[in-house]
């Protein structure tokens, strides 16, 4: 009985945590370098941004913007020059991402 209760509590923890912890990324947000391996944060960024901003970039440090500030990345540049107000771009790249991890990330976190 206790094990079942613990299992239910632990399995509902991610949903509860999403409801408790606010996450409102700014226009040119990117997953910080220190949390590049935090796929939970990637998923939250995707879920939060995608309904409003359907064009996103996924990639490694080149797309993420290794040597530039968040307001100097490709997506920030495109956001500054966009023609349509209802279209903006999301930086879902992760610094240090390698091809196999990219495949798994898209398959398991960005899938339907």
N, C-alpha and C. Protein backbone atom coordinates (compact mmCIF):
# COMPACT_ATOMS: atom_id res chain seq x y z
N UNK A 1 0.82 -1.19 0.00
CA UNK A 1 0.00 0.00 0.00
C UNK A 1 0.87 1.26 0.00
N UNK A 2 1.88 1.29 0.85
CA UNK A 2 2.77 2.45 0.93
C UNK A 2 3.56 2.59 -0.38
N UNK A 3 3.99 1.47 -0.93
CA UNK A 3 4.74 1.51 -2.19
C UNK A 3 3.87 2.04 -3.33
N UNK A 4 2.64 1.66 -3.36
CA UNK A 4 1.71 2.15 -4.39
C UNK A 4 1.49 3.65 -4.25
N UNK A 5 1.30 4.10 -3.03
CA UNK A 5 1.11 5.52 -2.77
C UNK A 5 2.35 6.32 -3.18
N UNK A 6 3.52 5.81 -2.85
CA UNK A 6 4.77 6.48 -3.24
C UNK A 6 4.93 6.53 -4.75
N UNK A 7 4.57 5.45 -5.43
CA UNK A 7 4.66 5.40 -6.89
C UNK A 7 3.73 6.43 -7.52
N UNK A 8 2.53 6.54 -7.01
CA UNK A 8 1.58 7.54 -7.52
C UNK A 8 2.10 8.95 -7.28
N UNK A 9 2.62 9.19 -6.10
CA UNK A 9 3.15 10.52 -5.77
C UNK A 9 4.34 10.88 -6.66
N UNK A 10 5.25 9.94 -6.84
CA UNK A 10 6.43 10.21 -7.66
C UNK A 10 6.09 10.39 -9.14
N UNK A 11 5.13 9.63 -9.63
CA UNK A 11 4.77 9.76 -11.04
C UNK A 11 4.01 11.05 -11.32
N UNK A 12 3.35 11.61 -10.33
CA UNK A 12 2.62 12.87 -10.54
C UNK A 12 3.50 14.09 -10.26
N UNK A 13 4.68 13.90 -9.74
CA UNK A 13 5.56 15.00 -9.38
C UNK A 13 5.89 15.93 -10.56
N UNK A 14 6.23 15.42 -11.76
CA UNK A 14 6.52 16.35 -12.87
C UNK A 14 5.36 17.27 -13.22
N UNK A 15 4.16 16.75 -13.24
CA UNK A 15 2.99 17.59 -13.55
C UNK A 15 2.76 18.63 -12.48
N UNK A 16 2.90 18.24 -11.25
CA UNK A 16 2.72 19.18 -10.14
C UNK A 16 3.80 20.25 -10.18
N UNK A 17 5.02 19.84 -10.46
CA UNK A 17 6.14 20.78 -10.50
C UNK A 17 5.94 21.82 -11.60
N UNK A 18 5.44 21.39 -12.76
CA UNK A 18 5.17 22.33 -13.86
C UNK A 18 4.12 23.37 -13.44
N UNK A 19 3.15 22.94 -12.66
CA UNK A 19 2.10 23.86 -12.21
C UNK A 19 2.63 24.84 -11.16
N UNK A 20 3.57 24.40 -10.36
CA UNK A 20 4.09 25.23 -9.26
C UNK A 20 5.16 26.19 -9.75
N UNK A 21 6.11 25.69 -10.52
CA UNK A 21 7.26 26.51 -10.94
C UNK A 21 6.92 27.32 -12.20
N UNK A 22 6.96 28.63 -12.12
CA UNK A 22 6.68 29.43 -13.32
C UNK A 22 7.84 29.36 -14.30
N UNK A 23 7.51 29.35 -15.57
CA UNK A 23 8.53 29.36 -16.62
C UNK A 23 7.99 30.20 -17.77
N UNK A 24 8.51 31.39 -17.90
CA UNK A 24 8.07 32.32 -18.94
C UNK A 24 9.30 32.85 -19.66
N UNK A 25 9.80 32.10 -20.65
CA UNK A 25 11.03 32.53 -21.32
C UNK A 25 10.83 33.80 -22.14
N UNK A 26 11.83 34.65 -22.11
CA UNK A 26 11.77 35.88 -22.91
C UNK A 26 11.96 35.55 -24.38
N UNK A 27 11.82 36.51 -25.24
CA UNK A 27 11.85 36.30 -26.68
C UNK A 27 13.13 35.59 -27.16
N UNK A 28 14.27 36.01 -26.70
CA UNK A 28 15.53 35.44 -27.17
C UNK A 28 16.15 34.47 -26.15
N UNK A 29 15.32 33.81 -25.38
CA UNK A 29 15.79 32.86 -24.38
C UNK A 29 16.48 31.68 -25.05
N UNK A 30 17.51 31.19 -24.41
CA UNK A 30 18.14 29.92 -24.79
C UNK A 30 18.48 29.19 -23.50
N UNK A 31 18.50 27.88 -23.56
CA UNK A 31 18.83 27.08 -22.38
C UNK A 31 20.25 27.47 -21.95
N UNK A 32 20.46 27.88 -20.71
CA UNK A 32 21.78 28.31 -20.27
C UNK A 32 22.84 27.21 -20.41
N UNK A 33 24.07 27.64 -20.60
CA UNK A 33 25.18 26.71 -20.77
C UNK A 33 25.26 25.70 -19.62
N UNK A 34 25.10 26.18 -18.41
CA UNK A 34 25.24 25.32 -17.23
C UNK A 34 24.18 24.22 -17.18
N UNK A 35 23.07 24.41 -17.86
CA UNK A 35 22.01 23.41 -17.85
C UNK A 35 21.78 22.81 -19.24
N UNK A 36 22.82 22.76 -20.05
CA UNK A 36 22.69 22.24 -21.42
C UNK A 36 22.26 20.78 -21.46
N UNK A 37 22.52 20.04 -20.42
CA UNK A 37 22.13 18.63 -20.38
C UNK A 37 20.79 18.43 -19.66
N UNK A 38 20.12 19.52 -19.34
CA UNK A 38 18.83 19.46 -18.64
C UNK A 38 17.71 19.37 -19.67
N UNK A 39 17.37 18.17 -20.08
CA UNK A 39 16.36 17.99 -21.11
C UNK A 39 14.96 18.32 -20.61
N UNK A 40 14.77 18.33 -19.30
CA UNK A 40 13.50 18.77 -18.73
C UNK A 40 13.29 20.24 -19.08
N UNK A 41 14.33 21.05 -18.96
CA UNK A 41 14.24 22.46 -19.29
C UNK A 41 14.01 22.66 -20.79
N UNK A 42 14.66 21.84 -21.60
CA UNK A 42 14.44 21.87 -23.05
C UNK A 42 12.97 21.60 -23.36
N UNK A 43 12.42 20.57 -22.74
CA UNK A 43 11.02 20.21 -22.98
C UNK A 43 10.07 21.32 -22.53
N UNK A 44 10.33 21.93 -21.40
CA UNK A 44 9.48 23.03 -20.93
C UNK A 44 9.57 24.23 -21.86
N UNK A 45 10.77 24.50 -22.34
CA UNK A 45 10.95 25.61 -23.29
C UNK A 45 10.17 25.32 -24.57
N UNK A 46 10.25 24.09 -25.05
CA UNK A 46 9.52 23.69 -26.25
C UNK A 46 8.02 23.82 -26.04
N UNK A 47 7.51 23.25 -24.96
CA UNK A 47 6.07 23.27 -24.70
C UNK A 47 5.54 24.69 -24.49
N UNK A 48 6.34 25.54 -23.88
CA UNK A 48 5.91 26.91 -23.62
C UNK A 48 5.94 27.77 -24.88
N UNK A 49 6.97 27.60 -25.70
CA UNK A 49 7.17 28.48 -26.84
C UNK A 49 6.45 28.05 -28.10
N UNK A 50 6.33 26.78 -28.32
CA UNK A 50 5.82 26.28 -29.60
C UNK A 50 4.41 26.74 -29.96
N UNK A 51 3.46 26.78 -29.04
CA UNK A 51 2.11 27.22 -29.45
C UNK A 51 2.09 28.66 -30.00
N UNK A 52 2.93 29.52 -29.48
CA UNK A 52 2.94 30.91 -29.90
C UNK A 52 3.97 31.19 -31.00
N UNK A 53 5.03 30.40 -31.04
CA UNK A 53 6.13 30.65 -31.96
C UNK A 53 6.53 29.34 -32.63
N UNK A 54 5.91 29.00 -33.75
CA UNK A 54 6.06 27.67 -34.34
C UNK A 54 7.37 27.40 -35.09
N UNK A 55 8.23 28.41 -35.29
CA UNK A 55 9.47 28.19 -36.01
C UNK A 55 10.61 28.11 -34.99
N UNK A 56 11.27 26.95 -34.96
CA UNK A 56 12.34 26.78 -33.97
C UNK A 56 13.59 26.20 -34.60
N UNK A 57 14.72 26.49 -33.98
CA UNK A 57 16.02 26.01 -34.42
C UNK A 57 16.53 25.02 -33.38
N UNK A 58 17.00 23.88 -33.85
CA UNK A 58 17.59 22.87 -32.99
C UNK A 58 18.99 22.62 -33.51
N UNK A 59 19.94 22.49 -32.62
CA UNK A 59 21.30 22.23 -33.06
C UNK A 59 22.27 22.24 -31.90
N UNK A 60 23.54 22.40 -32.25
CA UNK A 60 24.60 22.37 -31.25
C UNK A 60 25.05 23.80 -30.91
N UNK A 61 26.30 23.94 -30.50
CA UNK A 61 26.80 25.24 -30.04
C UNK A 61 26.79 26.32 -31.12
N UNK A 62 26.86 25.93 -32.38
CA UNK A 62 26.82 26.93 -33.46
C UNK A 62 25.47 27.63 -33.48
N UNK A 63 24.40 26.86 -33.42
CA UNK A 63 23.06 27.43 -33.41
C UNK A 63 22.77 28.08 -32.05
N UNK A 64 23.24 27.46 -30.98
CA UNK A 64 23.01 27.96 -29.63
C UNK A 64 23.63 29.34 -29.46
N UNK A 65 24.83 29.55 -30.05
CA UNK A 65 25.52 30.83 -29.94
C UNK A 65 26.64 30.79 -28.93
N UNK A 66 27.62 29.94 -29.17
CA UNK A 66 28.72 29.70 -28.23
C UNK A 66 29.43 30.99 -27.78
N UNK A 67 29.79 31.84 -28.70
CA UNK A 67 30.62 33.00 -28.35
C UNK A 67 29.86 34.32 -28.43
N UNK A 68 28.55 34.27 -28.36
CA UNK A 68 27.76 35.51 -28.42
C UNK A 68 26.75 35.53 -27.28
N UNK A 69 26.22 36.70 -27.02
CA UNK A 69 25.18 36.83 -26.00
C UNK A 69 23.85 36.37 -26.58
N UNK A 70 22.87 36.18 -25.74
CA UNK A 70 21.56 35.67 -26.19
C UNK A 70 20.91 36.60 -27.21
N UNK A 71 21.18 37.89 -27.13
CA UNK A 71 20.57 38.81 -28.09
C UNK A 71 21.36 38.93 -29.40
N UNK A 72 22.38 38.07 -29.57
CA UNK A 72 23.19 38.07 -30.79
C UNK A 72 23.17 36.72 -31.50
N UNK A 73 22.27 35.84 -31.13
CA UNK A 73 22.18 34.53 -31.77
C UNK A 73 21.42 34.63 -33.09
N UNK A 74 21.43 33.55 -33.86
CA UNK A 74 20.70 33.53 -35.14
C UNK A 74 19.22 33.84 -34.93
N UNK A 75 18.63 33.21 -33.94
CA UNK A 75 17.20 33.42 -33.72
C UNK A 75 16.91 34.85 -33.29
N UNK A 76 17.78 35.43 -32.47
CA UNK A 76 17.59 36.83 -32.06
C UNK A 76 17.70 37.75 -33.28
N UNK A 77 18.66 37.48 -34.13
CA UNK A 77 18.83 38.26 -35.36
C UNK A 77 17.59 38.16 -36.23
N UNK A 78 17.07 36.96 -36.39
CA UNK A 78 15.86 36.78 -37.20
C UNK A 78 14.64 37.43 -36.55
N UNK A 79 14.55 37.36 -35.24
CA UNK A 79 13.43 38.00 -34.53
C UNK A 79 13.46 39.52 -34.72
N UNK A 80 14.65 40.09 -34.75
CA UNK A 80 14.78 41.53 -34.94
C UNK A 80 14.36 41.95 -36.34
N UNK A 81 14.50 41.07 -37.32
CA UNK A 81 14.24 41.41 -38.71
C UNK A 81 12.98 40.76 -39.29
N UNK A 82 12.20 40.15 -38.45
CA UNK A 82 11.00 39.48 -38.97
C UNK A 82 10.02 40.49 -39.56
N UNK A 83 9.33 40.05 -40.57
CA UNK A 83 8.38 40.92 -41.27
C UNK A 83 6.99 40.81 -40.67
N UNK A 84 6.62 39.63 -40.25
CA UNK A 84 5.27 39.42 -39.73
C UNK A 84 5.31 39.44 -38.20
N UNK A 85 4.38 40.13 -37.60
CA UNK A 85 4.33 40.22 -36.15
C UNK A 85 4.00 38.88 -35.49
N UNK A 86 3.25 38.03 -36.19
CA UNK A 86 2.83 36.77 -35.58
C UNK A 86 3.84 35.65 -35.79
N UNK A 87 4.97 35.95 -36.37
CA UNK A 87 5.99 34.92 -36.59
C UNK A 87 7.26 35.30 -35.85
N UNK A 88 7.75 34.41 -35.02
CA UNK A 88 9.02 34.62 -34.35
C UNK A 88 9.73 33.28 -34.23
N UNK A 89 10.97 33.32 -33.85
CA UNK A 89 11.83 32.15 -33.88
C UNK A 89 12.29 31.78 -32.48
N UNK A 90 12.41 30.49 -32.23
CA UNK A 90 12.78 29.96 -30.92
C UNK A 90 14.13 29.26 -31.02
N UNK A 91 15.02 29.55 -30.08
CA UNK A 91 16.32 28.91 -30.03
C UNK A 91 16.23 27.70 -29.09
N UNK A 92 16.08 26.51 -29.67
CA UNK A 92 16.03 25.27 -28.89
C UNK A 92 17.34 24.50 -28.98
N UNK A 93 18.39 25.17 -29.43
CA UNK A 93 19.69 24.51 -29.52
C UNK A 93 20.29 24.34 -28.12
N UNK A 94 21.16 23.36 -28.00
CA UNK A 94 21.84 23.11 -26.73
C UNK A 94 23.34 23.12 -26.97
N UNK A 95 24.05 23.82 -26.13
CA UNK A 95 25.50 23.87 -26.26
C UNK A 95 26.10 22.51 -25.92
N UNK A 96 26.96 22.01 -26.79
CA UNK A 96 27.60 20.73 -26.55
C UNK A 96 26.81 19.53 -27.03
N UNK A 97 25.75 19.77 -27.78
CA UNK A 97 24.91 18.68 -28.27
C UNK A 97 25.63 17.94 -29.40
N UNK A 98 25.61 16.63 -29.37
CA UNK A 98 26.24 15.83 -30.42
C UNK A 98 25.14 15.08 -31.17
N UNK A 99 25.43 14.58 -32.39
CA UNK A 99 24.38 14.05 -33.27
C UNK A 99 23.47 12.98 -32.65
N UNK A 100 24.03 12.04 -31.92
CA UNK A 100 23.20 10.99 -31.34
C UNK A 100 22.27 11.55 -30.27
N UNK A 101 22.77 12.48 -29.47
CA UNK A 101 21.93 13.11 -28.46
C UNK A 101 20.84 13.96 -29.11
N UNK A 102 21.18 14.61 -30.21
CA UNK A 102 20.19 15.41 -30.94
C UNK A 102 19.05 14.53 -31.44
N UNK A 103 19.39 13.38 -31.99
CA UNK A 103 18.36 12.46 -32.46
C UNK A 103 17.45 12.01 -31.32
N UNK A 104 18.05 11.63 -30.20
CA UNK A 104 17.26 11.21 -29.05
C UNK A 104 16.41 12.33 -28.48
N UNK A 105 16.97 13.52 -28.45
CA UNK A 105 16.25 14.69 -27.94
C UNK A 105 15.01 14.98 -28.77
N UNK A 106 15.16 14.99 -30.08
CA UNK A 106 14.03 15.26 -30.96
C UNK A 106 13.02 14.12 -30.90
N UNK A 107 13.50 12.89 -30.88
CA UNK A 107 12.61 11.73 -30.86
C UNK A 107 11.80 11.66 -29.57
N UNK A 108 12.44 11.87 -28.43
CA UNK A 108 11.79 11.63 -27.14
C UNK A 108 11.18 12.86 -26.48
N UNK A 109 11.67 14.04 -26.81
CA UNK A 109 11.17 15.24 -26.14
C UNK A 109 10.36 16.16 -27.06
N UNK A 110 10.64 16.13 -28.35
CA UNK A 110 9.94 17.04 -29.26
C UNK A 110 8.92 16.30 -30.12
N UNK A 111 8.72 15.04 -29.84
CA UNK A 111 7.77 14.26 -30.62
C UNK A 111 6.33 14.62 -30.29
N UNK A 112 5.39 14.03 -31.02
CA UNK A 112 3.97 14.34 -30.78
C UNK A 112 3.47 13.87 -29.43
